[in-house]
Every structure is written in C-alpha cells, then in structure tokens.
Amino acid sequence: MRSIITLTSDFGLHDGYVAAMKGVILSINPEAVLIDICHTIEPQNIHQAAFILGTTARYFPSDTVHLIVVDPDVGTERPAIVVKAPFGYFVTPDNGSLSYVLQPYLVEPVFVNKPVPVSEGFKSDFALEVVKITSTKFWKTSVSSTFHGRDIFAPVAAALSMGERLENFGEWANTVEMLPLARPEKHSDGSLTGNIIHIDGFGNLITSISADEIRLSRKPPVIRVGGEVIKGISRTYADGSGLLAYTGSSGYLEIAVRGGSASSMLNARVGDRVELST
C-alpha cells in the first residue's frame, strides 16, 4: 500500500540506525514513501524534536504516519503510543514529542511536564485518539532494549501505513504527555519578554514571541537580544545589513543577520531572553 511515513530522530547520519528502521518498514510495506524530517536532533532533546515536528507535520497529507524516535528512556517502562489526530498519525514514545503539534488544541496551557487527559484536556471539536502500544503482535520477534525504533516503532508505523486499525496496537490511553512550552511574559506597559526556543542551521534565532503578538503592537517594535537593539520588523533578509527581526515561516519572531549567523554574532543559546517593546 502506497503511504507516506516520515521519520524524525536523534540518530544522526553517521551510523546505520536510520537505515535499519527504513529497512524494517520497507520489508513490511515495500510501497511506503519514506520522508526524512530530521535526524540531527541533539541527543535526547525532546523539546527540539517537538518544535521541528510542530513546524512540519501540518504540511503533509492527513493520512501520513509520523514516526518520532527521540527516546532518552528507551528500555524503561515509559509508554509507547500511537496517536490519531485530524492531520495525521503519530508513533512515538509518550514523552512530550507531540507538544508543539497538539499545543493549539489544549483547553488551557501546560506549565509543567504533565499528562493531559485525552477526553477533557483538548478542545471539544478536536478529534484525538491515543493507544498505548502494548500488543507485541507487530513487534520484531527479538526486541533490543536499546533500539525500540527498529524493533517496535518502525514495524508499528509500517503496519499503520498498511491500514491496521488503531485499537489493534494495544489499549486505549486516557492521557498524553505534554511539555511546558515557552511563552512570552506580558508586562503592564505592553512589552513582552520571551526566549529563544530554537536555533536553526543558518544560525537564525527563533523566539517564543508569536506573529500574532507582534501584530498587536501599535507602533514599530523595538527588540533587544544579546545586548543589541533592533528597531522595527523586516519583511525579508535583504532589508538590512546587520541584525534584523522578522516574522519567520514558523509563525514566530526570528532574529537573523544577512549573510551570516545571528547565533554566532550574539553567542546566543536556546533559553536566552528576547525583549519586545514599542
């Protein structure tokens, strides 16, 4: 059956781990279309995986199977889950990797790591189904305690792409784990204090300040980051010769430098403060 399966992991590109997962999938569904989202997630960085998945999953067809293996607790009792949402299926450890994907549909924000009730924690018009992967029927015969991506998640994703019913993978889950995602602090004078939540491969700094919050500014905003001041919002990278701020394709305020790396220029790190005022 021809079906799209995406893969996201922290396995890197120097070893055979990704290829092993693809081999398992193709041995079950030879017609699967395999799309790599990212395999250079920092080791065990669930937040980074969640962000990258959140900026990409919505652009795939709604029957796509997304396989996510960033799994610091592999081999432990942490649950593995299959999630069905209106925009796709997800096969992943239940460790918060879907936080950015599911965040817009929460009834209320999450401020600490916590399991959110499937039936009550999400908006009533958001159809969400979650199953714990407890049936060993689809697993490899021999399961390594250190490579569930190959022996559990990959064959489950392949079976799902072949049309296997959700409930056949195990028991229904009542909750799904969510991470607390950075949100800007709003001050009485209308200013915002946010943080850098991601640094992309170009050295662009993606902040927690959303495009909607920028649009609420009545005057051209002033952005302060890493001891530097940026006045106004640019439309393209070509609008300036130094540091510039703009609304990125991710829907957040981003900081860049034309022809260079804002990360290197500012010695910036994820978590650093970003201030916006008018």
Protein backbone atom coordinates (compact mmCIF):
# COMPACT_ATOMS: atom_id res chain seq x y z
CA MET A 1 0.00 0.00 0.00
CA ARG A 2 1.39 3.38 -1.00
CA SER A 3 1.53 5.57 2.09
CA ILE A 4 3.76 8.36 3.43
CA ILE A 5 5.80 7.72 6.54
CA THR A 6 8.00 10.49 7.94
CA LEU A 7 10.94 9.87 10.25
CA THR A 8 12.34 12.14 12.97
CA SER A 9 15.13 11.03 15.31
CA ASP A 10 18.32 11.97 17.12
CA PHE A 11 20.22 9.11 15.47
CA GLY A 12 22.40 11.32 13.27
CA LEU A 13 23.70 10.38 9.85
CA HIS A 14 26.98 8.67 10.75
CA ASP A 15 25.56 5.28 11.71
CA GLY A 16 23.11 2.74 10.33
CA TYR A 17 20.27 3.31 12.77
CA VAL A 18 18.02 5.26 10.40
CA ALA A 19 18.66 2.80 7.58
CA ALA A 20 17.74 -0.11 9.87
CA MET A 21 14.36 1.48 10.65
CA LYS A 22 13.73 2.12 6.96
CA GLY A 23 14.63 -1.48 6.15
CA VAL A 24 12.11 -2.77 8.68
CA ILE A 25 9.38 -0.50 7.29
CA LEU A 26 10.03 -1.44 3.67
CA SER A 27 10.11 -5.16 4.48
CA ILE A 28 6.52 -4.77 5.71
CA ASN A 29 5.29 -2.13 3.26
CA PRO A 30 7.52 -2.05 0.16
CA GLU A 31 5.40 0.74 -1.36
CA ALA A 32 5.83 3.13 1.57
CA VAL A 33 7.14 6.59 0.71
CA LEU A 34 9.72 7.44 3.38
CA ILE A 35 10.39 11.11 4.13
CA ASP A 36 13.16 12.21 6.49
CA ILE A 37 12.11 15.23 8.53
CA CYS A 38 15.26 15.42 10.66
CA HIS A 39 17.83 13.02 12.12
CA THR A 40 20.20 15.62 13.58
CA ILE A 41 18.13 16.41 16.66
CA GLU A 42 20.53 16.97 19.56
CA PRO A 43 20.80 13.71 21.52
CA GLN A 44 17.77 13.23 23.80
CA ASN A 45 16.49 16.77 23.07
CA ILE A 46 12.74 16.17 23.10
CA HIS A 47 11.95 19.90 23.02
CA GLN A 48 13.87 20.33 19.77
CA ALA A 49 12.18 17.33 18.19
CA ALA A 50 8.78 18.62 19.28
CA PHE A 51 9.44 22.05 17.75
CA ILE A 52 10.67 20.72 14.41
CA LEU A 53 7.76 18.30 14.17
CA GLY A 54 5.36 21.12 15.04
CA THR A 55 6.61 23.21 12.12
CA THR A 56 6.41 20.41 9.55
CA ALA A 57 3.70 17.82 10.28
CA ARG A 58 0.80 20.07 9.27
CA TYR A 59 2.09 20.30 5.69
CA PHE A 60 1.70 16.58 4.98
CA PRO A 61 -1.45 14.77 3.84
CA SER A 62 -3.81 13.93 6.69
CA ASP A 63 -3.23 10.16 6.39
CA THR A 64 0.56 10.47 6.83
CA VAL A 65 2.22 8.36 9.53
CA HIS A 66 4.83 10.29 11.51
CA LEU A 67 7.45 8.18 13.27
CA ILE A 68 9.34 10.02 16.03
CA VAL A 69 12.18 8.35 17.93
CA VAL A 70 13.87 10.68 20.41
CA ASP A 71 13.78 8.39 23.39
CA PRO A 72 16.02 9.06 26.43
CA ASP A 73 14.11 6.42 28.41
CA VAL A 74 14.34 3.60 25.86
CA GLY A 75 14.19 0.22 27.57
CA THR A 76 12.27 1.52 30.60
CA GLU A 77 8.56 1.33 31.39
CA ARG A 78 7.81 4.62 29.59
CA PRO A 79 4.73 4.14 27.37
CA ALA A 80 4.92 3.98 23.60
CA ILE A 81 1.86 5.36 21.83
CA VAL A 82 0.01 5.68 18.54
CA VAL A 83 -1.89 8.95 18.18
CA LYS A 84 -4.56 9.73 15.62
CA ALA A 85 -5.30 13.41 15.00
CA PRO A 86 -7.20 15.14 12.19
CA PHE A 87 -3.89 15.96 10.47
CA GLY A 88 -2.08 12.63 10.75
CA TYR A 89 -0.97 9.61 12.74
CA PHE A 90 1.98 9.66 15.15
CA VAL A 91 4.05 6.77 16.51
CA THR A 92 6.27 7.90 19.36
CA PRO A 93 7.35 7.44 22.96
CA ASP A 94 4.87 9.21 25.23
CA ASN A 95 7.40 11.80 26.35
CA GLY A 96 6.10 15.12 25.05
CA SER A 97 7.34 14.89 21.48
CA LEU A 98 3.90 15.99 20.22
CA SER A 99 3.73 19.11 22.38
CA TYR A 100 4.03 21.68 19.58
CA VAL A 101 1.74 19.66 17.32
CA LEU A 102 -1.01 19.47 19.95
CA GLN A 103 -0.47 22.79 21.75
CA PRO A 104 -3.01 24.83 19.69
CA TYR A 105 -5.79 22.45 20.73
CA LEU A 106 -5.27 22.47 24.51
CA VAL A 107 -8.09 23.74 26.68
CA GLU A 108 -5.53 25.52 28.87
CA PRO A 109 -1.74 25.97 28.74
CA VAL A 110 0.60 23.46 30.33
CA PHE A 111 3.20 24.95 32.69
CA VAL A 112 4.91 21.77 33.90
CA ASN A 113 5.58 18.37 32.38
CA LYS A 114 2.29 16.56 32.79
CA PRO A 115 -0.07 14.00 31.27
CA VAL A 116 -3.08 15.77 29.74
CA PRO A 117 -6.44 13.94 29.64
CA VAL A 118 -7.35 12.99 26.09
CA SER A 119 -11.08 13.49 26.63
CA GLU A 120 -11.04 16.68 28.69
CA GLY A 121 -7.69 18.39 28.09
CA PHE A 122 -8.29 19.27 24.46
CA LYS A 123 -10.91 21.36 22.69
CA SER A 124 -14.19 19.55 22.18
CA ASP A 125 -14.07 19.83 18.38
CA PHE A 126 -10.57 18.32 18.20
CA ALA A 127 -10.79 14.59 17.49
CA LEU A 128 -7.86 12.90 19.25
CA GLU A 129 -7.36 9.16 19.84
CA VAL A 130 -4.42 7.64 21.70
CA VAL A 131 -3.46 3.98 22.08
CA LYS A 132 -0.64 2.51 24.15
CA ILE A 133 1.48 0.11 22.10
CA THR A 134 1.11 -2.96 24.28
CA SER A 135 0.30 -5.68 21.74
CA THR A 136 3.50 -7.46 20.73
CA LYS A 137 1.87 -8.79 17.56
CA PHE A 138 3.53 -6.18 15.36
CA TRP A 139 6.94 -6.04 17.07
CA LYS A 140 10.09 -7.72 15.83
CA THR A 141 10.49 -11.20 17.27
CA SER A 142 13.56 -10.18 19.21
CA VAL A 143 13.36 -6.71 20.79
CA SER A 144 16.54 -4.90 21.74
CA SER A 145 16.35 -2.94 25.00
CA THR A 146 18.26 -0.09 23.32
CA PHE A 147 16.70 0.09 19.84
CA HIS A 148 12.92 0.27 20.10
CA GLY A 149 12.96 2.48 17.00
CA ARG A 150 13.84 -0.53 14.89
CA ASP A 151 12.07 -3.29 16.80
CA ILE A 152 8.82 -1.64 17.95
CA PHE A 153 8.16 1.80 16.47
CA ALA A 154 9.17 1.06 12.86
CA PRO A 155 7.05 -2.11 12.46
CA VAL A 156 4.09 -0.42 14.15
CA ALA A 157 4.38 2.57 11.79
CA ALA A 158 4.57 0.21 8.82
CA ALA A 159 1.50 -1.75 9.95
CA LEU A 160 -0.38 1.52 10.48
CA SER A 161 0.52 2.60 6.94
CA MET A 162 -0.99 -0.68 5.70
CA GLY A 163 -4.36 0.24 7.22
CA GLU A 164 -4.17 -1.60 10.54
CA ARG A 165 -6.84 -0.39 12.96
CA LEU A 166 -5.68 1.77 15.86
CA GLU A 167 -7.14 -0.42 18.60
CA ASN A 168 -5.19 -3.46 17.39
CA PHE A 169 -1.93 -1.98 18.68
CA GLY A 170 -2.96 -2.09 22.33
CA GLU A 171 -5.16 -0.49 24.95
CA TRP A 172 -6.74 2.97 24.76
CA ALA A 173 -4.81 5.64 26.64
CA ASN A 174 -6.51 8.25 28.80
CA THR A 175 -3.69 10.80 28.72
CA VAL A 176 -0.87 12.08 26.53
CA GLU A 177 2.32 13.64 27.90
CA MET A 178 2.84 17.35 27.23
CA LEU A 179 5.87 19.58 27.79
CA PRO A 180 5.62 23.14 29.13
CA LEU A 181 6.36 25.33 26.12
CA ALA A 182 7.96 28.73 26.47
CA ARG A 183 5.51 31.61 26.36
CA PRO A 184 6.39 35.30 26.50
CA GLU A 185 5.76 37.20 29.70
CA LYS A 186 3.45 40.16 29.18
CA HIS A 187 4.09 43.35 31.16
CA SER A 188 1.72 46.15 32.17
CA ASP A 189 3.33 48.58 29.71
CA GLY A 190 2.58 46.24 26.79
CA SER A 191 6.12 44.95 26.42
CA LEU A 192 6.99 41.26 26.18
CA THR A 193 9.86 39.15 27.46
CA GLY A 194 10.34 35.95 25.53
CA ASN A 195 13.08 33.41 24.95
CA ILE A 196 14.98 31.79 22.14
CA ILE A 197 13.30 28.41 21.62
CA HIS A 198 15.24 27.14 18.60
CA ILE A 199 18.35 27.96 16.58
CA ASP A 200 18.19 26.72 13.00
CA GLY A 201 21.02 25.55 10.76
CA PHE A 202 21.60 29.08 9.46
CA GLY A 203 22.08 30.46 12.95
CA ASN A 204 18.71 32.23 12.93
CA LEU A 205 17.18 32.66 16.37
CA ILE A 206 13.54 31.59 16.67
CA THR A 207 11.81 33.12 19.68
CA SER A 208 8.71 32.31 21.72
CA ILE A 209 7.05 35.57 20.60
CA SER A 210 4.35 34.76 18.06
CA ALA A 211 3.41 36.66 14.94
CA ASP A 212 0.02 37.44 16.47
CA GLU A 213 1.69 39.15 19.41
CA ILE A 214 3.80 41.25 17.05
CA ARG A 215 0.73 42.34 15.11
CA LEU A 216 -0.83 43.65 18.33
CA SER A 217 1.90 46.31 18.53
CA ARG A 218 0.53 49.72 17.58
CA LYS A 219 3.99 51.10 16.81
CA PRO A 220 7.07 49.55 15.18
CA PRO A 221 8.51 47.36 17.94
CA VAL A 222 11.98 47.51 19.41
CA ILE A 223 13.68 44.18 20.04
CA ARG A 224 16.54 43.67 22.49
CA VAL A 225 18.58 40.50 22.38
CA GLY A 226 22.14 39.68 23.41
CA GLY A 227 22.91 43.29 24.27
CA GLU A 228 21.84 44.51 20.82
CA VAL A 229 18.84 46.61 19.81
CA ILE A 230 16.83 46.06 16.62
CA LYS A 231 14.27 48.66 15.58
CA GLY A 232 11.27 47.54 13.56
CA ILE A 233 10.29 44.36 11.77
CA SER A 234 11.84 43.50 8.41
CA ARG A 235 9.98 41.75 5.62
CA THR A 236 12.92 39.87 4.05
CA TYR A 237 16.55 39.03 4.82
CA ALA A 238 17.58 41.67 2.29
CA ASP A 239 16.06 44.53 4.28
CA GLY A 240 19.18 45.20 6.31
CA SER A 241 22.92 44.68 6.53
CA GLY A 242 23.18 43.82 10.21
CA LEU A 243 20.90 42.15 12.73
CA LEU A 244 17.24 42.16 11.76
CA ALA A 245 13.97 40.89 13.17
CA TYR A 246 11.16 39.42 11.10
CA THR A 247 8.20 37.09 11.28
CA GLY A 248 9.54 33.70 10.23
CA SER A 249 7.85 30.87 8.38
CA SER A 250 7.39 29.13 11.72
CA GLY A 251 4.98 31.86 12.83
CA TYR A 252 7.34 33.27 15.47
CA LEU A 253 9.56 36.33 15.75
CA GLU A 254 13.02 35.46 14.45
CA ILE A 255 16.39 37.20 14.61
CA ALA A 256 18.88 36.89 11.76
CA VAL A 257 21.83 38.62 10.15
CA ARG A 258 22.05 38.93 6.39
CA GLY A 259 24.75 36.64 5.04
CA GLY A 260 25.77 35.47 8.49
CA SER A 261 24.78 33.76 11.71
CA ALA A 262 22.91 35.64 14.42
CA SER A 263 23.72 32.81 16.79
CA SER A 264 27.46 33.28 16.30
CA MET A 265 27.30 37.08 16.33
CA LEU A 266 25.43 37.16 19.64
CA ASN A 267 26.87 33.97 21.13
CA ALA A 268 23.22 33.06 21.63
CA ARG A 269 21.79 29.93 23.18
CA VAL A 270 18.35 28.40 23.48
CA GLY A 271 16.68 29.95 26.52
CA ASP A 272 18.28 33.40 26.18
CA ARG A 273 15.97 36.36 26.79
CA VAL A 274 14.40 38.41 23.99
CA GLU A 275 12.55 41.62 24.83
CA LEU A 276 9.99 43.39 22.64
CA SER A 277 8.67 46.87 23.37
CA THR A 278 7.08 49.77 21.44
